[in-house]
Amino acid sequence: MTRPIVAIDGPAGAGKSTVALRVAAKLGYVYIDTGAMYRAVAWKVIENKIAISEQAKITCLVKNLDIRFGIVDGQQHIFVDGEDLTEAVRTGQATRLSSPVSAIAGVRKRMVELQRKMGEDGGIVMEGRDIGTVVFPNAEVKVFLTASVAERARRRTRELEEKGVEADPEAIAAELKERDLRDSSRTHAPLKQAMDAVLLDTDGMSVEQVVDAVVAIHDEKVRT
């Protein structure tokens, strides 16, 4: 491996995807959106009309699922069994179901297999909730990206409103708190900061400031 793995973890709404994408672009690395992978599984569960309680069926569904990322017209797309699900995984249904789906041991096992395969040559920026603790515990660069619930709710509200979607900040904040509790208390690969991860609280920081901070952490780790 000639280039390091950059693992960015953190709670929902912390801006991991946006930051990881820009960090990857600055470093010339490949960006892997693990959240999109779990939302893709959620979409397939919805598409196949499988109840979330039917964990054995869901585990069977993902056993041979092929997930890949590719660039289309300069934008990263996600393909599942050859089908472009980029838009589908961003729907509210897929997003809401992704957390309970990700708590299923069989799903996590398959996703971790795919994620490790994607990162075996290094030179990647991978973000999620268990990248530095489970997927790549030996990653050279680990960052735990966080922000207050109020700040994350504000960002999510603005993001939705920019897309023309009405949003209730209080409802979003309540949803984020529930998601934090669910993600941090699940049995399999709970959300937590790796012992050797750098904590980066982004309250009051712009996206570019956060990106620059992560790149600086990368550069310092690489030098040492």
C-alpha atoms as a PDB file:
ATOM      1  CA  MET A   1       0.000   0.000   0.000  1.00  0.00           C
ATOM      2  CA  THR A   2       1.587   3.261  -1.092  1.00  0.00           C
ATOM      3  CA  ARG A   3      -1.140   5.688  -0.025  1.00  0.00           C
ATOM      4  CA  PRO A   4      -3.012   5.768   3.288  1.00  0.00           C
ATOM      5  CA  ILE A   5      -6.633   5.135   4.129  1.00  0.00           C
ATOM      6  CA  VAL A   6      -8.489   8.139   5.540  1.00  0.00           C
ATOM      7  CA  ALA A   7     -11.328   7.011   7.831  1.00  0.00           C
ATOM      8  CA  ILE A   8     -13.925   9.641   8.717  1.00  0.00           C
ATOM      9  CA  ASP A   9     -16.572   8.661  11.260  1.00  0.00           C
ATOM     10  CA  GLY A  10     -19.274  10.609  13.031  1.00  0.00           C
ATOM     11  CA  PRO A  11     -22.993  10.929  13.740  1.00  0.00           C
ATOM     12  CA  ALA A  12     -25.762  11.603  11.217  1.00  0.00           C
ATOM     13  CA  GLY A  13     -25.789  15.111   9.811  1.00  0.00           C
ATOM     14  CA  ALA A  14     -22.193  15.917  10.746  1.00  0.00           C
ATOM     15  CA  GLY A  15     -21.328  16.633   7.123  1.00  0.00           C
ATOM     16  CA  LYS A  16     -19.186  13.544   6.595  1.00  0.00           C
ATOM     17  CA  SER A  17     -20.203  12.951   2.977  1.00  0.00           C
ATOM     18  CA  THR A  18     -19.617  16.522   1.838  1.00  0.00           C
ATOM     19  CA  VAL A  19     -16.297  16.777   3.661  1.00  0.00           C
ATOM     20  CA  ALA A  20     -15.048  13.331   2.606  1.00  0.00           C
ATOM     21  CA  LEU A  21     -15.861  14.021  -1.046  1.00  0.00           C
ATOM     22  CA  ARG A  22     -13.906  17.285  -1.040  1.00  0.00           C
ATOM     23  CA  VAL A  23     -11.008  15.847   0.960  1.00  0.00           C
ATOM     24  CA  ALA A  24     -10.720  13.000  -1.550  1.00  0.00           C
ATOM     25  CA  ALA A  25     -10.679  15.500  -4.417  1.00  0.00           C
ATOM     26  CA  LYS A  26      -7.928  17.568  -2.763  1.00  0.00           C
ATOM     27  CA  LEU A  27      -5.779  14.522  -2.030  1.00  0.00           C
ATOM     28  CA  GLY A  28      -6.449  12.792  -5.339  1.00  0.00           C
ATOM     29  CA  TYR A  29      -7.963   9.808  -3.497  1.00  0.00           C
ATOM     30  CA  VAL A  30     -11.094   7.746  -4.187  1.00  0.00           C
ATOM     31  CA  TYR A  31     -14.185   8.643  -2.130  1.00  0.00           C
ATOM     32  CA  ILE A  32     -16.304   5.799  -0.705  1.00  0.00           C
ATOM     33  CA  ASP A  33     -19.747   6.749   0.660  1.00  0.00           C
ATOM     34  CA  THR A  34     -20.639   3.879   3.013  1.00  0.00           C
ATOM     35  CA  GLY A  35     -23.886   5.588   3.995  1.00  0.00           C
ATOM     36  CA  ALA A  36     -25.030   5.283   0.388  1.00  0.00           C
ATOM     37  CA  MET A  37     -24.230   1.574   0.538  1.00  0.00           C
ATOM     38  CA  TYR A  38     -26.552   1.039   3.502  1.00  0.00           C
ATOM     39  CA  ARG A  39     -29.240   3.203   1.892  1.00  0.00           C
ATOM     40  CA  ALA A  40     -28.879   1.057  -1.228  1.00  0.00           C
ATOM     41  CA  VAL A  41     -29.558  -2.049   0.838  1.00  0.00           C
ATOM     42  CA  ALA A  42     -32.557  -0.303   2.394  1.00  0.00           C
ATOM     43  CA  TRP A  43     -33.861   0.504  -1.096  1.00  0.00           C
ATOM     44  CA  LYS A  44     -33.506  -3.121  -2.178  1.00  0.00           C
ATOM     45  CA  VAL A  45     -35.395  -4.195   0.969  1.00  0.00           C
ATOM     46  CA  ILE A  46     -38.203  -1.772   0.088  1.00  0.00           C
ATOM     47  CA  GLU A  47     -38.158  -2.837  -3.553  1.00  0.00           C
ATOM     48  CA  ASN A  48     -38.445  -6.509  -2.582  1.00  0.00           C
ATOM     49  CA  LYS A  49     -41.203  -5.744  -0.039  1.00  0.00           C
ATOM     50  CA  ILE A  50     -39.303  -7.350   2.842  1.00  0.00           C
ATOM     51  CA  ALA A  51     -40.273  -6.326   6.384  1.00  0.00           C
ATOM     52  CA  ILE A  52     -37.426  -5.002   8.550  1.00  0.00           C
ATOM     53  CA  SER A  53     -38.235  -7.759  11.065  1.00  0.00           C
ATOM     54  CA  GLU A  54     -37.351 -10.431   8.467  1.00  0.00           C
ATOM     55  CA  GLN A  55     -33.629 -10.294   9.152  1.00  0.00           C
ATOM     56  CA  ALA A  56     -32.862 -13.716   7.661  1.00  0.00           C
ATOM     57  CA  LYS A  57     -34.415 -12.666   4.334  1.00  0.00           C
ATOM     58  CA  ILE A  58     -32.513  -9.369   4.347  1.00  0.00           C
ATOM     59  CA  THR A  59     -29.243 -11.153   5.110  1.00  0.00           C
ATOM     60  CA  CYS A  60     -29.921 -13.529   2.227  1.00  0.00           C
ATOM     61  CA  LEU A  61     -30.698 -10.570  -0.044  1.00  0.00           C
ATOM     62  CA  VAL A  62     -27.330  -8.909   0.552  1.00  0.00           C
ATOM     63  CA  LYS A  63     -25.196 -12.062   0.495  1.00  0.00           C
ATOM     64  CA  ASN A  64     -24.336 -11.721  -3.187  1.00  0.00           C
ATOM     65  CA  LEU A  65     -25.206  -8.058  -3.660  1.00  0.00           C
ATOM     66  CA  ASP A  66     -22.698  -6.240  -5.845  1.00  0.00           C
ATOM     67  CA  ILE A  67     -22.187  -2.551  -5.028  1.00  0.00           C
ATOM     68  CA  ARG A  68     -19.835  -0.306  -6.974  1.00  0.00           C
ATOM     69  CA  PHE A  69     -19.153   3.399  -7.340  1.00  0.00           C
ATOM     70  CA  GLY A  70     -18.472   5.122 -10.648  1.00  0.00           C
ATOM     71  CA  ILE A  71     -18.212   8.608 -12.135  1.00  0.00           C
ATOM     72  CA  VAL A  72     -20.996   9.761 -14.478  1.00  0.00           C
ATOM     73  CA  ASP A  73     -20.761  13.252 -15.975  1.00  0.00           C
ATOM     74  CA  GLY A  74     -18.273  14.241 -13.300  1.00  0.00           C
ATOM     75  CA  GLN A  75     -20.491  13.044 -10.425  1.00  0.00           C
ATOM     76  CA  GLN A  76     -20.118   9.938  -8.286  1.00  0.00           C
ATOM     77  CA  HIS A  77     -22.901   7.380  -8.768  1.00  0.00           C
ATOM     78  CA  ILE A  78     -23.701   4.163  -6.935  1.00  0.00           C
ATOM     79  CA  PHE A  79     -24.531   0.989  -8.872  1.00  0.00           C
ATOM     80  CA  VAL A  80     -26.179  -2.061  -7.336  1.00  0.00           C
ATOM     81  CA  ASP A  81     -26.067  -5.215  -9.445  1.00  0.00           C
ATOM     82  CA  GLY A  82     -25.409  -2.932 -12.421  1.00  0.00           C
ATOM     83  CA  GLU A  83     -28.389  -0.631 -11.727  1.00  0.00           C
ATOM     84  CA  ASP A  84     -27.793   3.070 -11.063  1.00  0.00           C
ATOM     85  CA  LEU A  85     -29.476   3.782  -7.710  1.00  0.00           C
ATOM     86  CA  THR A  86     -27.946   7.207  -7.104  1.00  0.00           C
ATOM     87  CA  GLU A  87     -31.300   8.985  -6.907  1.00  0.00           C
ATOM     88  CA  ALA A  88     -33.152   6.127  -5.228  1.00  0.00           C
ATOM     89  CA  VAL A  89     -30.798   5.966  -2.230  1.00  0.00           C
ATOM     90  CA  ARG A  90     -31.464   9.637  -1.449  1.00  0.00           C
ATOM     91  CA  THR A  91     -35.195   9.181  -0.963  1.00  0.00           C
ATOM     92  CA  GLY A  92     -36.686   9.649   2.503  1.00  0.00           C
ATOM     93  CA  GLN A  93     -37.771   6.010   2.621  1.00  0.00           C
ATOM     94  CA  ALA A  94     -34.279   4.661   1.987  1.00  0.00           C
ATOM     95  CA  THR A  95     -32.699   7.128   4.395  1.00  0.00           C
ATOM     96  CA  ARG A  96     -35.087   6.302   7.252  1.00  0.00           C
ATOM     97  CA  LEU A  97     -34.713   2.549   6.785  1.00  0.00           C
ATOM     98  CA  SER A  98     -30.910   2.610   6.452  1.00  0.00           C
ATOM     99  CA  SER A  99     -30.267   2.803  10.207  1.00  0.00           C
ATOM    100  CA  PRO A 100     -32.327  -0.252  11.247  1.00  0.00           C
ATOM    101  CA  VAL A 101     -30.993  -2.129   8.203  1.00  0.00           C
ATOM    102  CA  SER A 102     -27.414  -1.304   9.185  1.00  0.00           C
ATOM    103  CA  ALA A 103     -27.979  -2.837  12.636  1.00  0.00           C
ATOM    104  CA  ILE A 104     -28.488  -6.302  11.090  1.00  0.00           C
ATOM    105  CA  ALA A 105     -25.330  -8.375  11.597  1.00  0.00           C
ATOM    106  CA  GLY A 106     -25.543 -10.105   8.212  1.00  0.00           C
ATOM    107  CA  VAL A 107     -25.874  -6.785   6.403  1.00  0.00           C
ATOM    108  CA  ARG A 108     -22.897  -5.251   8.205  1.00  0.00           C
ATOM    109  CA  LYS A 109     -20.796  -8.356   7.506  1.00  0.00           C
ATOM    110  CA  ARG A 110     -21.420  -8.108   3.751  1.00  0.00           C
ATOM    111  CA  MET A 111     -20.922  -4.328   3.628  1.00  0.00           C
ATOM    112  CA  VAL A 112     -17.640  -4.577   5.554  1.00  0.00           C
ATOM    113  CA  GLU A 113     -16.440  -7.221   3.086  1.00  0.00           C
ATOM    114  CA  LEU A 114     -17.206  -4.895   0.170  1.00  0.00           C
ATOM    115  CA  GLN A 115     -15.699  -1.855   1.894  1.00  0.00           C
ATOM    116  CA  ARG A 116     -12.449  -3.658   2.698  1.00  0.00           C
ATOM    117  CA  LYS A 117     -12.234  -4.829  -0.897  1.00  0.00           C
ATOM    118  CA  MET A 118     -12.665  -1.245  -2.108  1.00  0.00           C
ATOM    119  CA  GLY A 119      -9.893  -0.017   0.168  1.00  0.00           C
ATOM    120  CA  GLU A 120      -7.347  -2.805  -0.158  1.00  0.00           C
ATOM    121  CA  ASP A 121      -5.006  -0.671  -2.307  1.00  0.00           C
ATOM    122  CA  GLY A 122      -5.235   2.426  -0.111  1.00  0.00           C
ATOM    123  CA  GLY A 123      -5.618   5.950  -1.443  1.00  0.00           C
ATOM    124  CA  ILE A 124      -9.246   6.216  -0.320  1.00  0.00           C
ATOM    125  CA  VAL A 125     -11.369   8.451   1.882  1.00  0.00           C
ATOM    126  CA  MET A 126     -14.116   6.363   3.463  1.00  0.00           C
ATOM    127  CA  GLU A 127     -16.768   7.797   5.762  1.00  0.00           C
ATOM    128  CA  GLY A 128     -19.345   6.175   7.992  1.00  0.00           C
ATOM    129  CA  ARG A 129     -19.867   5.236  11.614  1.00  0.00           C
ATOM    130  CA  ASP A 130     -17.493   2.319  12.121  1.00  0.00           C
ATOM    131  CA  ILE A 131     -14.713   2.853   9.576  1.00  0.00           C
ATOM    132  CA  GLY A 132     -11.939   3.557  12.075  1.00  0.00           C
ATOM    133  CA  THR A 133     -13.156   1.019  14.625  1.00  0.00           C
ATOM    134  CA  VAL A 134     -14.312  -1.967  12.553  1.00  0.00           C
ATOM    135  CA  VAL A 135     -13.755  -1.671   8.804  1.00  0.00           C
ATOM    136  CA  PHE A 136     -10.206  -0.303   8.892  1.00  0.00           C
ATOM    137  CA  PRO A 137      -8.999  -0.318  12.514  1.00  0.00           C
ATOM    138  CA  ASN A 138      -5.433   0.110  11.229  1.00  0.00           C
ATOM    139  CA  ALA A 139      -6.219   3.088   8.983  1.00  0.00           C
ATOM    140  CA  GLU A 140      -3.345   5.555   8.959  1.00  0.00           C
ATOM    141  CA  VAL A 141      -5.610   8.611   9.258  1.00  0.00           C
ATOM    142  CA  LYS A 142      -8.696   8.627  11.479  1.00  0.00           C
ATOM    143  CA  VAL A 143     -10.998  11.578  12.084  1.00  0.00           C
ATOM    144  CA  PHE A 144     -14.160  11.659  14.187  1.00  0.00           C
ATOM    145  CA  LEU A 145     -16.290  14.457  12.758  1.00  0.00           C
ATOM    146  CA  THR A 146     -19.029  15.814  14.976  1.00  0.00           C
ATOM    147  CA  ALA A 147     -21.216  18.848  15.725  1.00  0.00           C
ATOM    148  CA  SER A 148     -23.984  19.704  18.164  1.00  0.00           C
ATOM    149  CA  VAL A 149     -27.493  18.450  17.446  1.00  0.00           C
ATOM    150  CA  ALA A 150     -28.628  22.060  16.954  1.00  0.00           C
ATOM    151  CA  GLU A 151     -25.905  22.690  14.376  1.00  0.00           C
ATOM    152  CA  ARG A 152     -26.580  19.443  12.524  1.00  0.00           C
ATOM    153  CA  ALA A 153     -30.316  20.145  12.467  1.00  0.00           C
ATOM    154  CA  ARG A 154     -29.655  23.650  11.121  1.00  0.00           C
ATOM    155  CA  ARG A 155     -27.468  22.276   8.320  1.00  0.00           C
ATOM    156  CA  ARG A 156     -29.952  19.552   7.404  1.00  0.00           C
ATOM    157  CA  THR A 157     -32.816  22.072   7.362  1.00  0.00           C
ATOM    158  CA  ARG A 158     -30.869  24.401   5.059  1.00  0.00           C
ATOM    159  CA  GLU A 159     -29.943  21.502   2.774  1.00  0.00           C
ATOM    160  CA  LEU A 160     -33.580  20.444   2.408  1.00  0.00           C
ATOM    161  CA  GLU A 161     -34.833  23.988   1.898  1.00  0.00           C
ATOM    162  CA  GLU A 162     -32.248  24.535  -0.848  1.00  0.00           C
ATOM    163  CA  LYS A 163     -33.832  21.557  -2.598  1.00  0.00           C
ATOM    164  CA  GLY A 164     -37.282  23.113  -2.233  1.00  0.00           C
ATOM    165  CA  VAL A 165     -38.359  20.732   0.537  1.00  0.00           C
ATOM    166  CA  GLU A 166     -40.146  22.106   3.594  1.00  0.00           C
ATOM    167  CA  ALA A 167     -38.310  21.235   6.809  1.00  0.00           C
ATOM    168  CA  ASP A 168     -39.065  21.513  10.519  1.00  0.00           C
ATOM    169  CA  PRO A 169     -35.820  22.124  12.463  1.00  0.00           C
ATOM    170  CA  GLU A 170     -37.285  20.802  15.720  1.00  0.00           C
ATOM    171  CA  ALA A 171     -38.502  17.603  14.081  1.00  0.00           C
ATOM    172  CA  ILE A 172     -35.126  17.130  12.407  1.00  0.00           C
ATOM    173  CA  ALA A 173     -33.315  17.661  15.723  1.00  0.00           C
ATOM    174  CA  ALA A 174     -35.536  15.055  17.402  1.00  0.00           C
ATOM    175  CA  GLU A 175     -34.874  12.623  14.550  1.00  0.00           C
ATOM    176  CA  LEU A 176     -31.109  13.165  14.844  1.00  0.00           C
ATOM    177  CA  LYS A 177     -31.181  12.515  18.604  1.00  0.00           C
ATOM    178  CA  GLU A 178     -33.097   9.286  18.014  1.00  0.00           C
ATOM    179  CA  ARG A 179     -30.634   8.283  15.284  1.00  0.00           C
ATOM    180  CA  ASP A 180     -27.639   9.034  17.530  1.00  0.00           C
ATOM    181  CA  LEU A 181     -29.068   6.844  20.292  1.00  0.00           C
ATOM    182  CA  ARG A 182     -29.859   4.003  17.896  1.00  0.00           C
ATOM    183  CA  ASP A 183     -26.465   4.128  16.179  1.00  0.00           C
ATOM    184  CA  SER A 184     -24.442   4.340  19.392  1.00  0.00           C
ATOM    185  CA  SER A 185     -26.356   1.639  21.269  1.00  0.00           C
ATOM    186  CA  ARG A 186     -26.699  -1.035  18.588  1.00  0.00           C
ATOM    187  CA  THR A 187     -25.077  -4.397  19.260  1.00  0.00           C
ATOM    188  CA  HIS A 188     -23.073  -4.676  16.053  1.00  0.00           C
ATOM    189  CA  ALA A 189     -20.422  -2.022  15.281  1.00  0.00           C
ATOM    190  CA  PRO A 190     -21.913   0.851  17.279  1.00  0.00           C
ATOM    191  CA  LEU A 191     -21.013   4.443  16.525  1.00  0.00           C
ATOM    192  CA  LYS A 192     -18.037   5.458  18.653  1.00  0.00           C
ATOM    193  CA  GLN A 193     -14.802   7.374  18.328  1.00  0.00           C
ATOM    194  CA  ALA A 194     -11.730   5.214  17.734  1.00  0.00           C
ATOM    195  CA  MET A 195      -9.091   5.601  20.446  1.00  0.00           C
ATOM    196  CA  ASP A 196      -6.571   6.980  17.943  1.00  0.00           C
ATOM    197  CA  ALA A 197      -8.986   9.177  15.973  1.00  0.00           C
ATOM    198  CA  VAL A 198      -8.669  12.963  15.964  1.00  0.00           C
ATOM    199  CA  LEU A 199     -11.870  14.585  17.258  1.00  0.00           C
ATOM    200  CA  LEU A 200     -13.003  17.488  15.085  1.00  0.00           C
ATOM    201  CA  ASP A 201     -15.964  19.504  16.392  1.00  0.00           C
ATOM    202  CA  THR A 202     -17.234  21.492  13.417  1.00  0.00           C
ATOM    203  CA  ASP A 203     -19.627  23.878  15.176  1.00  0.00           C
ATOM    204  CA  GLY A 204     -19.081  27.322  13.676  1.00  0.00           C
ATOM    205  CA  MET A 205     -16.815  26.029  10.902  1.00  0.00           C
ATOM    206  CA  SER A 206     -17.438  26.337   7.171  1.00  0.00           C
ATOM    207  CA  VAL A 207     -17.172  23.290   4.933  1.00  0.00           C
ATOM    208  CA  GLU A 208     -13.869  24.532   3.505  1.00  0.00           C
ATOM    209  CA  GLN A 209     -12.446  25.062   6.987  1.00  0.00           C
ATOM    210  CA  VAL A 210     -13.370  21.493   7.933  1.00  0.00           C
ATOM    211  CA  VAL A 211     -11.899  20.139   4.689  1.00  0.00           C
ATOM    212  CA  ASP A 212      -8.655  22.036   5.279  1.00  0.00           C
ATOM    213  CA  ALA A 213      -8.497  20.733   8.850  1.00  0.00           C
ATOM    214  CA  VAL A 214      -8.891  17.114   7.712  1.00  0.00           C
ATOM    215  CA  VAL A 215      -6.278  17.553   4.985  1.00  0.00           C
ATOM    216  CA  ALA A 216      -3.914  19.044   7.591  1.00  0.00           C
ATOM    217  CA  ILE A 217      -4.501  16.020   9.859  1.00  0.00           C
ATOM    218  CA  HIS A 218      -3.753  13.745   6.883  1.00  0.00           C
ATOM    219  CA  ASP A 219      -0.562  15.604   6.018  1.00  0.00           C
ATOM    220  CA  GLU A 220       0.662  15.508   9.611  1.00  0.00           C
ATOM    221  CA  LYS A 221      -0.015  11.762   9.901  1.00  0.00           C
ATOM    222  CA  VAL A 222       1.701  11.025   6.586  1.00  0.00           C
ATOM    223  CA  ARG A 223       4.786  13.022   7.601  1.00  0.00           C
ATOM    224  CA  THR A 224       5.109  11.146  10.874  1.00  0.00           C
END
